[in-house]
PDB file of N, CA and C in Angstrom:
ATOM      1  N   MET A   1       0.818  -1.193   0.000  1.00  0.00           N
ATOM      2  CA  MET A   1       0.000   0.000   0.000  1.00  0.00           C
ATOM      3  C   MET A   1       0.861   1.257   0.000  1.00  0.00           C
ATOM      4  N   ARG A   2       1.954   1.231   0.764  1.00  0.00           N
ATOM      5  CA  ARG A   2       2.812   2.403   0.847  1.00  0.00           C
ATOM      6  C   ARG A   2       3.603   2.666  -0.431  1.00  0.00           C
ATOM      7  N   VAL A   3       4.031   1.611  -1.099  1.00  0.00           N
ATOM      8  CA  VAL A   3       4.855   1.777  -2.302  1.00  0.00           C
ATOM      9  C   VAL A   3       4.116   2.560  -3.386  1.00  0.00           C
ATOM     10  N   PRO A   4       2.861   2.229  -3.723  1.00  0.00           N
ATOM     11  CA  PRO A   4       2.172   3.030  -4.742  1.00  0.00           C
ATOM     12  C   PRO A   4       2.008   4.492  -4.328  1.00  0.00           C
ATOM     13  N   LEU A   5       1.769   4.727  -3.046  1.00  0.00           N
ATOM     14  CA  LEU A   5       1.618   6.103  -2.572  1.00  0.00           C
ATOM     15  C   LEU A   5       2.930   6.868  -2.710  1.00  0.00           C
ATOM     16  N   ILE A   6       4.019   6.256  -2.301  1.00  0.00           N
ATOM     17  CA  ILE A   6       5.329   6.910  -2.414  1.00  0.00           C
ATOM     18  C   ILE A   6       5.682   7.128  -3.882  1.00  0.00           C
ATOM     19  N   ALA A   7       5.420   6.137  -4.728  1.00  0.00           N
ATOM     20  CA  ALA A   7       5.703   6.282  -6.159  1.00  0.00           C
ATOM     21  C   ALA A   7       4.881   7.413  -6.755  1.00  0.00           C
ATOM     22  N   THR A   8       3.620   7.526  -6.371  1.00  0.00           N
ATOM     23  CA  THR A   8       2.762   8.606  -6.876  1.00  0.00           C
ATOM     24  C   THR A   8       3.288   9.963  -6.449  1.00  0.00           C
ATOM     25  N   ILE A   9       3.713  10.068  -5.214  1.00  0.00           N
ATOM     26  CA  ILE A   9       4.269  11.332  -4.717  1.00  0.00           C
ATOM     27  C   ILE A   9       5.547  11.683  -5.467  1.00  0.00           C
ATOM     28  N   LEU A  10       6.426  10.708  -5.659  1.00  0.00           N
ATOM     29  CA  LEU A  10       7.677  10.972  -6.383  1.00  0.00           C
ATOM     30  C   LEU A  10       7.416  11.385  -7.829  1.00  0.00           C
ATOM     31  N   VAL A  11       6.509  10.703  -8.505  1.00  0.00           N
ATOM     32  CA  VAL A  11       6.191  11.049  -9.891  1.00  0.00           C
ATOM     33  C   VAL A  11       5.637  12.467  -9.957  1.00  0.00           C
ATOM     34  N   THR A  12       4.768  12.813  -9.031  1.00  0.00           N
ATOM     35  CA  THR A  12       4.201  14.162  -9.003  1.00  0.00           C
ATOM     36  C   THR A  12       5.286  15.203  -8.780  1.00  0.00           C
ATOM     37  N   MET A  13       6.173  14.936  -7.849  1.00  0.00           N
ATOM     38  CA  MET A  13       7.250  15.890  -7.565  1.00  0.00           C
ATOM     39  C   MET A  13       8.185  16.037  -8.760  1.00  0.00           C
ATOM     40  N   LEU A  14       8.560  14.911  -9.369  1.00  0.00           N
ATOM     41  CA  LEU A  14       9.451  14.979 -10.523  1.00  0.00           C
ATOM     42  C   LEU A  14       8.755  15.607 -11.723  1.00  0.00           C
ATOM     43  N   GLY A  15       7.480  15.335 -11.888  1.00  0.00           N
ATOM     44  CA  GLY A  15       6.725  15.924 -12.996  1.00  0.00           C
ATOM     45  C   GLY A  15       6.604  17.426 -12.867  1.00  0.00           C
ATOM     46  N   ALA A  16       6.576  17.904 -11.657  1.00  0.00           N
ATOM     47  CA  ALA A  16       6.458  19.348 -11.441  1.00  0.00           C
ATOM     48  C   ALA A  16       7.739  20.080 -11.796  1.00  0.00           C
ATOM     49  N   CYS A  17       8.854  19.369 -11.834  1.00  0.00           N
ATOM     50  CA  CYS A  17      10.115  20.065 -12.102  1.00  0.00           C
ATOM     51  C   CYS A  17      10.757  19.601 -13.401  1.00  0.00           C
ATOM     52  N   THR A  18       9.984  19.121 -14.347  1.00  0.00           N
ATOM     53  CA  THR A  18      10.577  18.602 -15.583  1.00  0.00           C
ATOM     54  C   THR A  18      11.143  19.687 -16.481  1.00  0.00           C
ATOM     55  N   THR A  19      10.640  20.892 -16.394  1.00  0.00           N
ATOM     56  CA  THR A  19      11.168  21.931 -17.269  1.00  0.00           C
ATOM     57  C   THR A  19      11.467  23.217 -16.508  1.00  0.00           C
ATOM     58  N   PRO A  20      12.383  23.143 -15.566  1.00  0.00           N
ATOM     59  CA  PRO A  20      12.727  24.377 -14.869  1.00  0.00           C
ATOM     60  C   PRO A  20      13.576  25.257 -15.768  1.00  0.00           C
ATOM     61  N   ILE A  21      13.076  26.394 -16.139  1.00  0.00           N
ATOM     62  CA  ILE A  21      13.861  27.294 -16.971  1.00  0.00           C
ATOM     63  C   ILE A  21      15.022  27.789 -16.125  1.00  0.00           C
ATOM     64  N   SER A  22      16.217  27.478 -16.570  1.00  0.00           N
ATOM     65  CA  SER A  22      17.369  27.909 -15.788  1.00  0.00           C
ATOM     66  C   SER A  22      17.611  29.386 -16.046  1.00  0.00           C
ATOM     67  N   PRO A  23      17.988  30.107 -15.022  1.00  0.00           N
ATOM     68  CA  PRO A  23      18.162  31.552 -15.181  1.00  0.00           C
ATOM     69  C   PRO A  23      19.287  31.872 -16.165  1.00  0.00           C
ATOM     70  N   PRO A  24      19.103  32.887 -16.980  1.00  0.00           N
ATOM     71  CA  PRO A  24      20.153  33.241 -17.938  1.00  0.00           C
ATOM     72  C   PRO A  24      21.371  33.802 -17.221  1.00  0.00           C
ATOM     73  N   PRO A  25      22.525  33.669 -17.842  1.00  0.00           N
ATOM     74  CA  PRO A  25      23.730  34.218 -17.235  1.00  0.00           C
ATOM     75  C   PRO A  25      23.696  35.747 -17.274  1.00  0.00           C
ATOM     76  N   PRO A  26      24.470  36.381 -16.415  1.00  0.00           N
ATOM     77  CA  PRO A  26      24.519  37.841 -16.475  1.00  0.00           C
ATOM     78  C   PRO A  26      25.103  38.288 -17.815  1.00  0.00           C
ATOM     79  N   GLY A  27      24.654  39.412 -18.268  1.00  0.00           N
ATOM     80  CA  GLY A  27      25.161  39.933 -19.528  1.00  0.00           C
ATOM     81  C   GLY A  27      24.170  40.867 -20.176  1.00  0.00           C
ATOM     82  N   PRO A  28      24.433  41.233 -21.411  1.00  0.00           N
ATOM     83  CA  PRO A  28      23.540  42.143 -22.120  1.00  0.00           C
ATOM     84  C   PRO A  28      22.154  41.530 -22.318  1.00  0.00           C
ATOM     85  N   PRO A  29      21.130  42.360 -22.405  1.00  0.00           N
ATOM     86  CA  PRO A  29      19.761  41.851 -22.587  1.00  0.00           C
ATOM     87  C   PRO A  29      19.615  40.934 -23.807  1.00  0.00           C
ATOM     88  N   GLU A  30      20.330  41.235 -24.875  1.00  0.00           N
ATOM     89  CA  GLU A  30      20.240  40.406 -26.084  1.00  0.00           C
ATOM     90  C   GLU A  30      20.689  38.971 -25.797  1.00  0.00           C
ATOM     91  N   VAL A  31      21.762  38.822 -25.052  1.00  0.00           N
ATOM     92  CA  VAL A  31      22.285  37.489 -24.738  1.00  0.00           C
ATOM     93  C   VAL A  31      21.346  36.770 -23.780  1.00  0.00           C
ATOM     94  N   ARG A  32      20.795  37.489 -22.819  1.00  0.00           N
ATOM     95  CA  ARG A  32      19.862  36.886 -21.863  1.00  0.00           C
ATOM     96  C   ARG A  32      18.590  36.410 -22.569  1.00  0.00           C
ATOM     97  N   ALA A  33      18.080  37.210 -23.493  1.00  0.00           N
ATOM     98  CA  ALA A  33      16.892  36.814 -24.262  1.00  0.00           C
ATOM     99  C   ALA A  33      17.209  35.611 -25.146  1.00  0.00           C
ATOM    100  N   ALA A  34      18.380  35.608 -25.748  1.00  0.00           N
ATOM    101  CA  ALA A  34      18.789  34.494 -26.602  1.00  0.00           C
ATOM    102  C   ALA A  34      18.917  33.214 -25.785  1.00  0.00           C
ATOM    103  N   TYR A  35      19.461  33.331 -24.579  1.00  0.00           N
ATOM    104  CA  TYR A  35      19.602  32.175 -23.698  1.00  0.00           C
ATOM    105  C   TYR A  35      18.220  31.577 -23.401  1.00  0.00           C
ATOM    106  N   ASN A  36      17.262  32.423 -23.062  1.00  0.00           N
ATOM    107  CA  ASN A  36      15.904  31.934 -22.778  1.00  0.00           C
ATOM    108  C   ASN A  36      15.285  31.269 -24.001  1.00  0.00           C
ATOM    109  N   ASP A  37      15.474  31.856 -25.176  1.00  0.00           N
ATOM    110  CA  ASP A  37      14.951  31.261 -26.415  1.00  0.00           C
ATOM    111  C   ASP A  37      15.592  29.897 -26.676  1.00  0.00           C
ATOM    112  N   GLY A  38      16.908  29.841 -26.518  1.00  0.00           N
ATOM    113  CA  GLY A  38      17.632  28.579 -26.727  1.00  0.00           C
ATOM    114  C   GLY A  38      17.254  27.527 -25.710  1.00  0.00           C
ATOM    115  N   CYS A  39      17.028  27.962 -24.476  1.00  0.00           N
ATOM    116  CA  CYS A  39      16.633  27.035 -23.415  1.00  0.00           C
ATOM    117  C   CYS A  39      15.291  26.386 -23.748  1.00  0.00           C
ATOM    118  N   ALA A  40      14.331  27.175 -24.153  1.00  0.00           N
ATOM    119  CA  ALA A  40      13.026  26.632 -24.526  1.00  0.00           C
ATOM    120  C   ALA A  40      13.159  25.673 -25.712  1.00  0.00           C
ATOM    121  N   ALA A  41      14.002  26.019 -26.669  1.00  0.00           N
ATOM    122  CA  ALA A  41      14.214  25.139 -27.822  1.00  0.00           C
ATOM    123  C   ALA A  41      14.894  23.838 -27.393  1.00  0.00           C
ATOM    124  N   GLY A  42      15.818  23.915 -26.452  1.00  0.00           N
ATOM    125  CA  GLY A  42      16.507  22.721 -25.951  1.00  0.00           C
ATOM    126  C   GLY A  42      15.557  21.767 -25.263  1.00  0.00           C
ATOM    127  N   TYR A  43      14.645  22.313 -24.448  1.00  0.00           N
ATOM    128  CA  TYR A  43      13.641  21.467 -23.812  1.00  0.00           C
ATOM    129  C   TYR A  43      12.752  20.803 -24.863  1.00  0.00           C
ATOM    130  N   GLY A  44      12.340  21.565 -25.868  1.00  0.00           N
ATOM    131  CA  GLY A  44      11.510  20.999 -26.927  1.00  0.00           C
ATOM    132  C   GLY A  44      12.229  19.914 -27.697  1.00  0.00           C
ATOM    133  N   TYR A  45      13.501  20.152 -28.015  1.00  0.00           N
ATOM    134  CA  TYR A  45      14.294  19.177 -28.751  1.00  0.00           C
ATOM    135  C   TYR A  45      14.468  17.888 -27.946  1.00  0.00           C
ATOM    136  N   ALA A  46      14.603  18.024 -26.625  1.00  0.00           N
ATOM    137  CA  ALA A  46      14.795  16.857 -25.762  1.00  0.00           C
ATOM    138  C   ALA A  46      13.505  16.086 -25.532  1.00  0.00           C
ATOM    139  N   GLY A  47      12.364  16.664 -25.909  1.00  0.00           N
ATOM    140  CA  GLY A  47      11.111  15.932 -25.812  1.00  0.00           C
ATOM    141  C   GLY A  47      10.123  16.450 -24.790  1.00  0.00           C
ATOM    142  N   SER A  48      10.369  17.601 -24.213  1.00  0.00           N
ATOM    143  CA  SER A  48       9.423  18.146 -23.241  1.00  0.00           C
ATOM    144  C   SER A  48       8.077  18.404 -23.899  1.00  0.00           C
ATOM    145  N   PRO A  49       7.001  17.955 -23.279  1.00  0.00           N
ATOM    146  CA  PRO A  49       5.679  18.201 -23.856  1.00  0.00           C
ATOM    147  C   PRO A  49       5.229  19.659 -23.682  1.00  0.00           C
ATOM    148  N   PHE A  50       5.977  20.433 -22.920  1.00  0.00           N
ATOM    149  CA  PHE A  50       5.610  21.816 -22.644  1.00  0.00           C
ATOM    150  C   PHE A  50       6.272  22.817 -23.588  1.00  0.00           C
ATOM    151  N   HIS A  51       7.175  22.348 -24.449  1.00  0.00           N
ATOM    152  CA  HIS A  51       7.902  23.228 -25.369  1.00  0.00           C
ATOM    153  C   HIS A  51       7.906  22.606 -26.755  1.00  0.00           C
ATOM    154  N   SER A  52       7.831  23.435 -27.784  1.00  0.00           N
ATOM    155  CA  SER A  52       7.858  22.911 -29.148  1.00  0.00           C
ATOM    156  C   SER A  52       9.305  22.735 -29.604  1.00  0.00           C
ATOM    157  N   ASN A  53       9.510  21.788 -30.501  1.00  0.00           N
ATOM    158  CA  ASN A  53      10.832  21.542 -31.055  1.00  0.00           C
ATOM    159  C   ASN A  53      11.090  22.590 -32.126  1.00  0.00           C
ATOM    160  N   ARG A  54      12.017  23.487 -31.864  1.00  0.00           N
ATOM    161  CA  ARG A  54      12.318  24.582 -32.797  1.00  0.00           C
ATOM    162  C   ARG A  54      13.614  24.349 -33.559  1.00  0.00           C
ATOM    163  N   GLY A  55      14.172  23.175 -33.467  1.00  0.00           N
ATOM    164  CA  GLY A  55      15.422  22.888 -34.150  1.00  0.00           C
ATOM    165  C   GLY A  55      16.621  23.084 -33.246  1.00  0.00           C
ATOM    166  N   THR A  56      17.799  22.931 -33.834  1.00  0.00           N
ATOM    167  CA  THR A  56      19.033  22.996 -33.048  1.00  0.00           C
ATOM    168  C   THR A  56      19.852  24.244 -33.341  1.00  0.00           C
ATOM    169  N   GLU A  57      19.314  25.158 -34.087  1.00  0.00           N
ATOM    170  CA  GLU A  57      19.998  26.411 -34.414  1.00  0.00           C
ATOM    171  C   GLU A  57      19.025  27.573 -34.275  1.00  0.00           C
ATOM    172  N   PRO A  58      19.528  28.761 -33.896  1.00  0.00           N
ATOM    173  CA  PRO A  58      18.633  29.919 -33.851  1.00  0.00           C
ATOM    174  C   PRO A  58      18.114  30.235 -35.251  1.00  0.00           C
ATOM    175  N   ALA A  59      16.875  30.674 -35.326  1.00  0.00           N
ATOM    176  CA  ALA A  59      16.248  30.952 -36.623  1.00  0.00           C
ATOM    177  C   ALA A  59      16.694  32.299 -37.167  1.00  0.00           C
ATOM    178  N   GLY A  60      16.903  32.344 -38.473  1.00  0.00           N
ATOM    179  CA  GLY A  60      17.210  33.610 -39.143  1.00  0.00           C
ATOM    180  C   GLY A  60      18.628  34.104 -38.905  1.00  0.00           C
ATOM    181  N   ALA A  61      18.891  35.267 -39.462  1.00  0.00           N
ATOM    182  CA  ALA A  61      20.202  35.901 -39.299  1.00  0.00           C
ATOM    183  C   ALA A  61      20.245  36.571 -37.934  1.00  0.00           C
ATOM    184  N   VAL A  62      21.180  36.144 -37.101  1.00  0.00           N
ATOM    185  CA  VAL A  62      21.304  36.691 -35.750  1.00  0.00           C
ATOM    186  C   VAL A  62      22.749  37.120 -35.513  1.00  0.00           C
ATOM    187  N   SER A  63      22.928  37.975 -34.520  1.00  0.00           N
ATOM    188  CA  SER A  63      24.278  38.426 -34.192  1.00  0.00           C
ATOM    189  C   SER A  63      25.062  37.291 -33.536  1.00  0.00           C
ATOM    190  N   ALA A  64      26.371  37.457 -33.495  1.00  0.00           N
ATOM    191  CA  ALA A  64      27.221  36.448 -32.866  1.00  0.00           C
ATOM    192  C   ALA A  64      26.897  36.313 -31.377  1.00  0.00           C
ATOM    193  N   ALA A  65      26.585  37.416 -30.714  1.00  0.00           N
ATOM    194  CA  ALA A  65      26.262  37.386 -29.288  1.00  0.00           C
ATOM    195  C   ALA A  65      24.952  36.620 -29.061  1.00  0.00           C
ATOM    196  N   TYR A  66      23.944  36.883 -29.893  1.00  0.00           N
ATOM    197  CA  TYR A  66      22.662  36.183 -29.766  1.00  0.00           C
ATOM    198  C   TYR A  66      22.874  34.689 -29.997  1.00  0.00           C
ATOM    199  N   ARG A  67      23.608  34.347 -31.038  1.00  0.00           N
ATOM    200  CA  ARG A  67      23.858  32.936 -31.357  1.00  0.00           C
ATOM    201  C   ARG A  67      24.559  32.228 -30.198  1.00  0.00           C
ATOM    202  N   ALA A  68      25.558  32.865 -29.610  1.00  0.00           N
ATOM    203  CA  ALA A  68      26.287  32.259 -28.491  1.00  0.00           C
ATOM    204  C   ALA A  68      25.358  32.037 -27.295  1.00  0.00           C
ATOM    205  N   GLY A  69      24.539  33.032 -26.967  1.00  0.00           N
ATOM    206  CA  GLY A  69      23.593  32.892 -25.864  1.00  0.00           C
ATOM    207  C   GLY A  69      22.568  31.818 -26.135  1.00  0.00           C
ATOM    208  N   TRP A  70      22.065  31.770 -27.369  1.00  0.00           N
ATOM    209  CA  TRP A  70      21.066  30.775 -27.752  1.00  0.00           C
ATOM    210  C   TRP A  70      21.635  29.366 -27.616  1.00  0.00           C
ATOM    211  N   LEU A  71      22.832  29.155 -28.150  1.00  0.00           N
ATOM    212  CA  LEU A  71      23.445  27.825 -28.096  1.00  0.00           C
ATOM    213  C   LEU A  71      23.745  27.400 -26.669  1.00  0.00           C
ATOM    214  N   GLU A  72      24.174  28.341 -25.831  1.00  0.00           N
ATOM    215  CA  GLU A  72      24.440  28.022 -24.427  1.00  0.00           C
ATOM    216  C   GLU A  72      23.147  27.583 -23.726  1.00  0.00           C
ATOM    217  N   GLY A  73      22.073  28.330 -23.921  1.00  0.00           N
ATOM    218  CA  GLY A  73      20.791  27.969 -23.325  1.00  0.00           C
ATOM    219  C   GLY A  73      20.274  26.640 -23.846  1.00  0.00           C
ATOM    220  N   PHE A  74      20.385  26.431 -25.150  1.00  0.00           N
ATOM    221  CA  PHE A  74      19.933  25.181 -25.766  1.00  0.00           C
ATOM    222  C   PHE A  74      20.652  23.993 -25.145  1.00  0.00           C
ATOM    223  N   ASP A  75      21.978  24.047 -25.104  1.00  0.00           N
ATOM    224  CA  ASP A  75      22.762  22.920 -24.592  1.00  0.00           C
ATOM    225  C   ASP A  75      22.470  22.651 -23.122  1.00  0.00           C
ATOM    226  N   LYS A  76      22.440  23.700 -22.315  1.00  0.00           N
ATOM    227  CA  LYS A  76      22.243  23.513 -20.880  1.00  0.00           C
ATOM    228  C   LYS A  76      20.866  22.917 -20.580  1.00  0.00           C
ATOM    229  N   CYS A  77      19.830  23.439 -21.195  1.00  0.00           N
ATOM    230  CA  CYS A  77      18.474  22.975 -20.905  1.00  0.00           C
ATOM    231  C   CYS A  77      18.184  21.614 -21.527  1.00  0.00           C
ATOM    232  N   ARG A  78      18.748  21.331 -22.688  1.00  0.00           N
ATOM    233  CA  ARG A  78      18.579  20.000 -23.288  1.00  0.00           C
ATOM    234  C   ARG A  78      19.213  18.952 -22.388  1.00  0.00           C
ATOM    235  N   ARG A  79      20.428  19.215 -21.908  1.00  0.00           N
ATOM    236  CA  ARG A  79      21.095  18.265 -21.017  1.00  0.00           C
ATOM    237  C   ARG A  79      20.331  18.105 -19.705  1.00  0.00           C
ATOM    238  N   SER A  80      19.794  19.202 -19.193  1.00  0.00           N
ATOM    239  CA  SER A  80      19.027  19.157 -17.949  1.00  0.00           C
ATOM    240  C   SER A  80      17.802  18.254 -18.106  1.00  0.00           C
ATOM    241  N   TYR A  81      17.068  18.424 -19.186  1.00  0.00           N
ATOM    242  CA  TYR A  81      15.868  17.609 -19.413  1.00  0.00           C
ATOM    243  C   TYR A  81      16.246  16.147 -19.627  1.00  0.00           C
ATOM    244  N   ASP A  82      17.340  15.904 -20.346  1.00  0.00           N
ATOM    245  CA  ASP A  82      17.798  14.527 -20.557  1.00  0.00           C
ATOM    246  C   ASP A  82      18.131  13.858 -19.223  1.00  0.00           C
ATOM    247  N   ARG A  83      18.784  14.584 -18.315  1.00  0.00           N
ATOM    248  CA  ARG A  83      19.119  14.023 -16.998  1.00  0.00           C
ATOM    249  C   ARG A  83      17.850  13.693 -16.208  1.00  0.00           C
ATOM    250  N   ILE A  84      16.877  14.568 -16.253  1.00  0.00           N
ATOM    251  CA  ILE A  84      15.618  14.321 -15.548  1.00  0.00           C
ATOM    252  C   ILE A  84      14.953  13.059 -16.089  1.00  0.00           C
ATOM    253  N   GLN A  85      14.949  12.897 -17.396  1.00  0.00           N
ATOM    254  CA  GLN A  85      14.330  11.716 -17.998  1.00  0.00           C
ATOM    255  C   GLN A  85      15.076  10.443 -17.614  1.00  0.00           C
ATOM    256  N   LEU A  86      16.401  10.507 -17.534  1.00  0.00           N
ATOM    257  CA  LEU A  86      17.173   9.334 -17.123  1.00  0.00           C
ATOM    258  C   LEU A  86      16.816   8.911 -15.696  1.00  0.00           C
ATOM    259  N   VAL A  87      16.656   9.880 -14.818  1.00  0.00           N
ATOM    260  CA  VAL A  87      16.280   9.570 -13.430  1.00  0.00           C
ATOM    261  C   VAL A  87      14.897   8.937 -13.390  1.00  0.00           C
ATOM    262  N   ILE A  88      13.957   9.523 -14.089  1.00  0.00           N
ATOM    263  CA  ILE A  88      12.592   8.992 -14.095  1.00  0.00           C
ATOM    264  C   ILE A  88      12.578   7.573 -14.664  1.00  0.00           C
ATOM    265  N   HIS A  89      13.285   7.352 -15.760  1.00  0.00           N
ATOM    266  CA  HIS A  89      13.308   6.009 -16.358  1.00  0.00           C
ATOM    267  C   HIS A  89      14.039   5.031 -15.466  1.00  0.00           C
ATOM    268  N   GLY A  90      15.077   5.509 -14.756  1.00  0.00           N
ATOM    269  CA  GLY A  90      15.794   4.637 -13.824  1.00  0.00           C
ATOM    270  C   GLY A  90      14.921   4.206 -12.656  1.00  0.00           C
ATOM    271  N   LEU A  91      14.085   5.108 -12.189  1.00  0.00           N
ATOM    272  CA  LEU A  91      13.213   4.790 -11.054  1.00  0.00           C
ATOM    273  C   LEU A  91      11.996   3.958 -11.446  1.00  0.00           C
ATOM    274  N   PHE A  92      11.402   4.279 -12.582  1.00  0.00           N
ATOM    275  CA  PHE A  92      10.111   3.686 -12.933  1.00  0.00           C
ATOM    276  C   PHE A  92      10.123   2.886 -14.225  1.00  0.00           C
ATOM    277  N   GLY A  93      11.242   2.824 -14.912  1.00  0.00           N
ATOM    278  CA  GLY A  93      11.311   2.103 -16.180  1.00  0.00           C
ATOM    279  C   GLY A  93      10.903   2.998 -17.333  1.00  0.00           C
ATOM    280  N   ALA A  94      11.274   2.577 -18.525  1.00  0.00           N
ATOM    281  CA  ALA A  94      10.930   3.348 -19.725  1.00  0.00           C
ATOM    282  C   ALA A  94       9.427   3.287 -19.971  1.00  0.00           C
ATOM    283  N   PRO A  95       8.888   4.345 -20.582  1.00  0.00           N
ATOM    284  CA  PRO A  95       7.426   4.349 -20.842  1.00  0.00           C
ATOM    285  C   PRO A  95       7.024   3.288 -21.848  1.00  0.00           C
TER     286      PRO A  95
END
């Protein structure tokens, strides 16, 4: 009886934190905005149901600073979501 209750609580807790937007690094507003855009794209690429898959590159012609911020956000958030999924699958098995 206790195991299903504990499993339900753990799934709920882990489900609530599946897509924590990580705060952008300090810097110019353009880089911070790019980081947030890339982060959302990274979550989508990794399979988050809360974000759409926007590809692995920033769209359109962008400045070097925007591109760097976007790629940093994409990589960090994609890896974060992948780690969360590994933990969930390790605890409860693959879907």
